[in-house]
PDB file of N, CA and C in Angstrom:
ATOM      1  N   MET A   1       0.848  -1.171   0.000  1.00  0.00           N
ATOM      2  CA  MET A   1       0.000   0.000   0.000  1.00  0.00           C
ATOM      3  C   MET A   1       0.896   1.238   0.000  1.00  0.00           C
ATOM      4  N   LYS A   2       0.575   2.168  -0.863  1.00  0.00           N
ATOM      5  CA  LYS A   2       1.354   3.392  -0.980  1.00  0.00           C
ATOM      6  C   LYS A   2       1.062   4.309   0.200  1.00  0.00           C
ATOM      7  N   ARG A   3       2.100   4.790   0.853  1.00  0.00           N
ATOM      8  CA  ARG A   3       1.936   5.704   1.978  1.00  0.00           C
ATOM      9  C   ARG A   3       1.932   7.136   1.469  1.00  0.00           C
ATOM     10  N   VAL A   4       0.960   7.904   1.934  1.00  0.00           N
ATOM     11  CA  VAL A   4       0.829   9.305   1.545  1.00  0.00           C
ATOM     12  C   VAL A   4       0.784  10.125   2.823  1.00  0.00           C
ATOM     13  N   VAL A   5       1.531  11.218   2.837  1.00  0.00           N
ATOM     14  CA  VAL A   5       1.572  12.084   4.013  1.00  0.00           C
ATOM     15  C   VAL A   5       0.992  13.438   3.645  1.00  0.00           C
ATOM     16  N   ASN A   6       0.159  13.952   4.520  1.00  0.00           N
ATOM     17  CA  ASN A   6      -0.396  15.287   4.342  1.00  0.00           C
ATOM     18  C   ASN A   6      -0.206  16.048   5.652  1.00  0.00           C
ATOM     19  N   ILE A   7       0.348  17.245   5.565  1.00  0.00           N
ATOM     20  CA  ILE A   7       0.523  18.076   6.758  1.00  0.00           C
ATOM     21  C   ILE A   7      -0.450  19.241   6.647  1.00  0.00           C
ATOM     22  N   ALA A   8      -1.390  19.288   7.570  1.00  0.00           N
ATOM     23  CA  ALA A   8      -2.414  20.333   7.553  1.00  0.00           C
ATOM     24  C   ALA A   8      -2.150  21.320   8.678  1.00  0.00           C
ATOM     25  N   LYS A   9      -2.522  22.541   8.440  1.00  0.00           N
ATOM     26  CA  LYS A   9      -2.337  23.576   9.452  1.00  0.00           C
ATOM     27  C   LYS A   9      -3.507  23.639  10.436  1.00  0.00           C
ATOM     28  N   ILE A  10      -4.688  23.225   9.984  1.00  0.00           N
ATOM     29  CA  ILE A  10      -5.862  23.243  10.859  1.00  0.00           C
ATOM     30  C   ILE A  10      -6.589  21.898  10.749  1.00  0.00           C
ATOM     31  N   PHE A  11      -7.367  21.585  11.785  1.00  0.00           N
ATOM     32  CA  PHE A  11      -8.061  20.297  11.848  1.00  0.00           C
ATOM     33  C   PHE A  11      -9.034  20.131  10.697  1.00  0.00           C
ATOM     34  N   LYS A  12      -9.787  21.167  10.364  1.00  0.00           N
ATOM     35  CA  LYS A  12     -10.783  21.076   9.292  1.00  0.00           C
ATOM     36  C   LYS A  12     -10.129  20.698   7.963  1.00  0.00           C
ATOM     37  N   GLU A  13      -8.983  21.263   7.679  1.00  0.00           N
ATOM     38  CA  GLU A  13      -8.248  20.947   6.447  1.00  0.00           C
ATOM     39  C   GLU A  13      -7.820  19.475   6.447  1.00  0.00           C
ATOM     40  N   ALA A  14      -7.340  18.997   7.579  1.00  0.00           N
ATOM     41  CA  ALA A  14      -6.921  17.594   7.698  1.00  0.00           C
ATOM     42  C   ALA A  14      -8.109  16.661   7.530  1.00  0.00           C
ATOM     43  N   GLU A  15      -9.226  17.012   8.128  1.00  0.00           N
ATOM     44  CA  GLU A  15     -10.425  16.194   8.032  1.00  0.00           C
ATOM     45  C   GLU A  15     -10.932  16.122   6.590  1.00  0.00           C
ATOM     46  N   GLU A  16     -10.941  17.253   5.900  1.00  0.00           N
ATOM     47  CA  GLU A  16     -11.383  17.279   4.504  1.00  0.00           C
ATOM     48  C   GLU A  16     -10.466  16.440   3.619  1.00  0.00           C
ATOM     49  N   TRP A  17      -9.147  16.501   3.859  1.00  0.00           N
ATOM     50  CA  TRP A  17      -8.205  15.718   3.086  1.00  0.00           C
ATOM     51  C   TRP A  17      -8.440  14.223   3.329  1.00  0.00           C
ATOM     52  N   ASN A  18      -8.680  13.864   4.576  1.00  0.00           N
ATOM     53  CA  ASN A  18      -8.930  12.473   4.927  1.00  0.00           C
ATOM     54  C   ASN A  18     -10.187  11.949   4.231  1.00  0.00           C
ATOM     55  N   ILE A  19     -11.250  12.718   4.246  1.00  0.00           N
ATOM     56  CA  ILE A  19     -12.495  12.312   3.594  1.00  0.00           C
ATOM     57  C   ILE A  19     -12.278  12.161   2.091  1.00  0.00           C
ATOM     58  N   LYS A  20     -11.558  13.107   1.479  1.00  0.00           N
ATOM     59  CA  LYS A  20     -11.271  13.046   0.051  1.00  0.00           C
ATOM     60  C   LYS A  20     -10.496  11.774  -0.289  1.00  0.00           C
ATOM     61  N   GLN A  21      -9.516  11.424   0.539  1.00  0.00           N
ATOM     62  CA  GLN A  21      -8.735  10.210   0.312  1.00  0.00           C
ATOM     63  C   GLN A  21      -9.625   8.973   0.365  1.00  0.00           C
ATOM     64  N   GLN A  22     -10.516   8.910   1.337  1.00  0.00           N
ATOM     65  CA  GLN A  22     -11.389   7.752   1.481  1.00  0.00           C
ATOM     66  C   GLN A  22     -12.379   7.636   0.331  1.00  0.00           C
ATOM     67  N   VAL A  23     -12.928   8.766  -0.108  1.00  0.00           N
ATOM     68  CA  VAL A  23     -13.885   8.762  -1.209  1.00  0.00           C
ATOM     69  C   VAL A  23     -13.215   8.300  -2.501  1.00  0.00           C
ATOM     70  N   ASN A  24     -11.958   8.663  -2.687  1.00  0.00           N
ATOM     71  CA  ASN A  24     -11.239   8.312  -3.911  1.00  0.00           C
ATOM     72  C   ASN A  24     -10.758   6.864  -3.943  1.00  0.00           C
ATOM     73  N   MET A  25     -10.839   6.162  -2.822  1.00  0.00           N
ATOM     74  CA  MET A  25     -10.409   4.766  -2.781  1.00  0.00           C
ATOM     75  C   MET A  25     -11.513   3.866  -3.326  1.00  0.00           C
ATOM     76  N   THR A  26     -11.114   2.798  -3.997  1.00  0.00           N
ATOM     77  CA  THR A  26     -12.084   1.804  -4.443  1.00  0.00           C
ATOM     78  C   THR A  26     -12.503   0.961  -3.235  1.00  0.00           C
ATOM     79  N   PRO A  27     -13.626   0.264  -3.338  1.00  0.00           N
ATOM     80  CA  PRO A  27     -14.017  -0.619  -2.229  1.00  0.00           C
ATOM     81  C   PRO A  27     -12.931  -1.649  -1.895  1.00  0.00           C
ATOM     82  N   GLN A  28     -12.246  -2.153  -2.914  1.00  0.00           N
ATOM     83  CA  GLN A  28     -11.186  -3.133  -2.685  1.00  0.00           C
ATOM     84  C   GLN A  28     -10.023  -2.504  -1.919  1.00  0.00           C
ATOM     85  N   GLU A  29      -9.687  -1.254  -2.236  1.00  0.00           N
ATOM     86  CA  GLU A  29      -8.606  -0.571  -1.525  1.00  0.00           C
ATOM     87  C   GLU A  29      -8.990  -0.334  -0.061  1.00  0.00           C
ATOM     88  N   ARG A  30     -10.251   0.011   0.184  1.00  0.00           N
ATOM     89  CA  ARG A  30     -10.696   0.213   1.568  1.00  0.00           C
ATOM     90  C   ARG A  30     -10.667  -1.093   2.349  1.00  0.00           C
ATOM     91  N   MET A  31     -11.087  -2.172   1.707  1.00  0.00           N
ATOM     92  CA  MET A  31     -11.057  -3.476   2.375  1.00  0.00           C
ATOM     93  C   MET A  31      -9.624  -3.904   2.676  1.00  0.00           C
ATOM     94  N   GLU A  32      -8.718  -3.647   1.742  1.00  0.00           N
ATOM     95  CA  GLU A  32      -7.311  -3.990   1.953  1.00  0.00           C
ATOM     96  C   GLU A  32      -6.717  -3.174   3.100  1.00  0.00           C
ATOM     97  N   ALA A  33      -7.051  -1.893   3.153  1.00  0.00           N
ATOM     98  CA  ALA A  33      -6.555  -1.045   4.246  1.00  0.00           C
ATOM     99  C   ALA A  33      -7.094  -1.550   5.590  1.00  0.00           C
ATOM    100  N   ALA A  34      -8.362  -1.925   5.627  1.00  0.00           N
ATOM    101  CA  ALA A  34      -8.949  -2.451   6.862  1.00  0.00           C
ATOM    102  C   ALA A  34      -8.270  -3.752   7.272  1.00  0.00           C
ATOM    103  N   ARG A  35      -7.980  -4.622   6.292  1.00  0.00           N
ATOM    104  CA  ARG A  35      -7.310  -5.896   6.585  1.00  0.00           C
ATOM    105  C   ARG A  35      -5.918  -5.649   7.157  1.00  0.00           C
ATOM    106  N   ILE A  36      -5.180  -4.722   6.562  1.00  0.00           N
ATOM    107  CA  ILE A  36      -3.830  -4.418   7.030  1.00  0.00           C
ATOM    108  C   ILE A  36      -3.863  -3.875   8.456  1.00  0.00           C
ATOM    109  N   LEU A  37      -4.784  -2.960   8.728  1.00  0.00           N
ATOM    110  CA  LEU A  37      -4.891  -2.404  10.081  1.00  0.00           C
ATOM    111  C   LEU A  37      -5.296  -3.469  11.092  1.00  0.00           C
ATOM    112  N   ARG A  38      -6.237  -4.358  10.706  1.00  0.00           N
ATOM    113  CA  ARG A  38      -6.660  -5.438  11.605  1.00  0.00           C
ATOM    114  C   ARG A  38      -5.478  -6.346  11.928  1.00  0.00           C
ATOM    115  N   GLU A  39      -4.688  -6.699  10.906  1.00  0.00           N
ATOM    116  CA  GLU A  39      -3.540  -7.577  11.135  1.00  0.00           C
ATOM    117  C   GLU A  39      -2.477  -6.901  11.997  1.00  0.00           C
ATOM    118  N   ARG A  40      -2.262  -5.596  11.809  1.00  0.00           N
ATOM    119  CA  ARG A  40      -1.284  -4.875  12.638  1.00  0.00           C
ATOM    120  C   ARG A  40      -1.716  -4.860  14.100  1.00  0.00           C
ATOM    121  N   PHE A  41      -3.012  -4.677  14.334  1.00  0.00           N
ATOM    122  CA  PHE A  41      -3.505  -4.547  15.698  1.00  0.00           C
ATOM    123  C   PHE A  41      -3.704  -5.906  16.369  1.00  0.00           C
ATOM    124  N   TYR A  42      -4.304  -6.870  15.657  1.00  0.00           N
ATOM    125  CA  TYR A  42      -4.658  -8.157  16.267  1.00  0.00           C
ATOM    126  C   TYR A  42      -3.736  -9.308  15.881  1.00  0.00           C
ATOM    127  N   GLY A  43      -2.906  -9.124  14.843  1.00  0.00           N
ATOM    128  CA  GLY A  43      -2.048 -10.214  14.387  1.00  0.00           C
ATOM    129  C   GLY A  43      -2.675 -10.966  13.230  1.00  0.00           C
ATOM    130  N   ASN A  44      -1.921 -11.907  12.684  1.00  0.00           N
ATOM    131  CA  ASN A  44      -2.369 -12.639  11.491  1.00  0.00           C
ATOM    132  C   ASN A  44      -3.335 -13.776  11.793  1.00  0.00           C
ATOM    133  N   LYS A  45      -3.471 -14.169  13.033  1.00  0.00           N
ATOM    134  CA  LYS A  45      -4.273 -15.342  13.380  1.00  0.00           C
ATOM    135  C   LYS A  45      -5.749 -15.031  13.616  1.00  0.00           C
ATOM    136  N   THR A  46      -6.166 -13.781  13.445  1.00  0.00           N
ATOM    137  CA  THR A  46      -7.551 -13.429  13.738  1.00  0.00           C
ATOM    138  C   THR A  46      -8.472 -13.859  12.612  1.00  0.00           C
ATOM    139  N   ILE A  47      -9.700 -14.144  12.963  1.00  0.00           N
ATOM    140  CA  ILE A  47     -10.721 -14.519  11.992  1.00  0.00           C
ATOM    141  C   ILE A  47     -11.454 -13.250  11.566  1.00  0.00           C
ATOM    142  N   SER A  48     -11.846 -13.189  10.303  1.00  0.00           N
ATOM    143  CA  SER A  48     -12.557 -12.006   9.827  1.00  0.00           C
ATOM    144  C   SER A  48     -13.949 -11.958  10.458  1.00  0.00           C
ATOM    145  N   LEU A  49     -14.508 -10.782  10.544  1.00  0.00           N
ATOM    146  CA  LEU A  49     -15.832 -10.610  11.152  1.00  0.00           C
ATOM    147  C   LEU A  49     -16.884 -11.404  10.401  1.00  0.00           C
ATOM    148  N   ARG A  50     -16.801 -11.427   9.083  1.00  0.00           N
ATOM    149  CA  ARG A  50     -17.781 -12.191   8.290  1.00  0.00           C
ATOM    150  C   ARG A  50     -17.705 -13.672   8.623  1.00  0.00           C
ATOM    151  N   LYS A  51     -16.493 -14.233   8.705  1.00  0.00           N
ATOM    152  CA  LYS A  51     -16.348 -15.646   9.046  1.00  0.00           C
ATOM    153  C   LYS A  51     -16.824 -15.907  10.465  1.00  0.00           C
ATOM    154  N   TRP A  52     -16.536 -14.986  11.375  1.00  0.00           N
ATOM    155  CA  TRP A  52     -16.961 -15.141  12.762  1.00  0.00           C
ATOM    156  C   TRP A  52     -18.481 -15.160  12.865  1.00  0.00           C
ATOM    157  N   LYS A  53     -19.146 -14.223  12.175  1.00  0.00           N
ATOM    158  CA  LYS A  53     -20.609 -14.170  12.218  1.00  0.00           C
ATOM    159  C   LYS A  53     -21.221 -15.440  11.646  1.00  0.00           C
ATOM    160  N   LYS A  54     -20.632 -15.947  10.559  1.00  0.00           N
ATOM    161  CA  LYS A  54     -21.148 -17.186   9.974  1.00  0.00           C
ATOM    162  C   LYS A  54     -21.006 -18.338  10.958  1.00  0.00           C
ATOM    163  N   SER A  55     -19.878 -18.392  11.677  1.00  0.00           N
ATOM    164  CA  SER A  55     -19.680 -19.484  12.624  1.00  0.00           C
ATOM    165  C   SER A  55     -20.641 -19.358  13.805  1.00  0.00           C
ATOM    166  N   ILE A  56     -20.920 -18.137  14.254  1.00  0.00           N
ATOM    167  CA  ILE A  56     -21.871 -17.926  15.352  1.00  0.00           C
ATOM    168  C   ILE A  56     -23.274 -18.304  14.914  1.00  0.00           C
ATOM    169  N   ASN A  57     -23.671 -17.874  13.713  1.00  0.00           N
ATOM    170  CA  ASN A  57     -24.995 -18.222  13.189  1.00  0.00           C
ATOM    171  C   ASN A  57     -25.123 -19.724  13.016  1.00  0.00           C
ATOM    172  N   HIS A  58     -24.060 -20.362  12.570  1.00  0.00           N
ATOM    173  CA  HIS A  58     -24.073 -21.805  12.368  1.00  0.00           C
ATOM    174  C   HIS A  58     -24.240 -22.529  13.703  1.00  0.00           C
ATOM    175  N   ILE A  59     -23.554 -22.054  14.731  1.00  0.00           N
ATOM    176  CA  ILE A  59     -23.654 -22.666  16.058  1.00  0.00           C
ATOM    177  C   ILE A  59     -25.030 -22.458  16.631  1.00  0.00           C
ATOM    178  N   SER A  60     -25.576 -21.232  16.529  1.00  0.00           N
ATOM    179  CA  SER A  60     -26.903 -20.952  17.102  1.00  0.00           C
ATOM    180  C   SER A  60     -27.980 -21.726  16.382  1.00  0.00           C
ATOM    181  N   LEU A  61     -27.815 -22.007  15.090  1.00  0.00           N
ATOM    182  CA  LEU A  61     -28.798 -22.795  14.372  1.00  0.00           C
ATOM    183  C   LEU A  61     -28.760 -24.254  14.823  1.00  0.00           C
ATOM    184  N   LYS A  62     -27.576 -24.763  15.170  1.00  0.00           N
ATOM    185  CA  LYS A  62     -27.454 -26.137  15.635  1.00  0.00           C
ATOM    186  C   LYS A  62     -28.102 -26.326  17.010  1.00  0.00           C
ATOM    187  N   THR A  63     -28.003 -25.308  17.873  1.00  0.00           N
ATOM    188  CA  THR A  63     -28.516 -25.449  19.227  1.00  0.00           C
ATOM    189  C   THR A  63     -30.017 -25.191  19.316  1.00  0.00           C
ATOM    190  N   SER A  64     -30.608 -24.674  18.255  1.00  0.00           N
ATOM    191  CA  SER A  64     -32.059 -24.371  18.282  1.00  0.00           C
ATOM    192  C   SER A  64     -32.879 -25.610  18.105  1.00  0.00           C
TER     193      SER A  64
END
């Protein structure tokens, strides 16, 4: 992922730049950024939220 740095003088300018960056990203780029951040924070062994929800739904359906 390409790193981009922006130095803003005021918070509003920084916020607008951040929103512009997010709007310009494709859905795949946003998903990749989320995956990278999740792995940095939780490590590589974590299960994705979608897989976790499917496993919870699968378990709750078995116990019903």
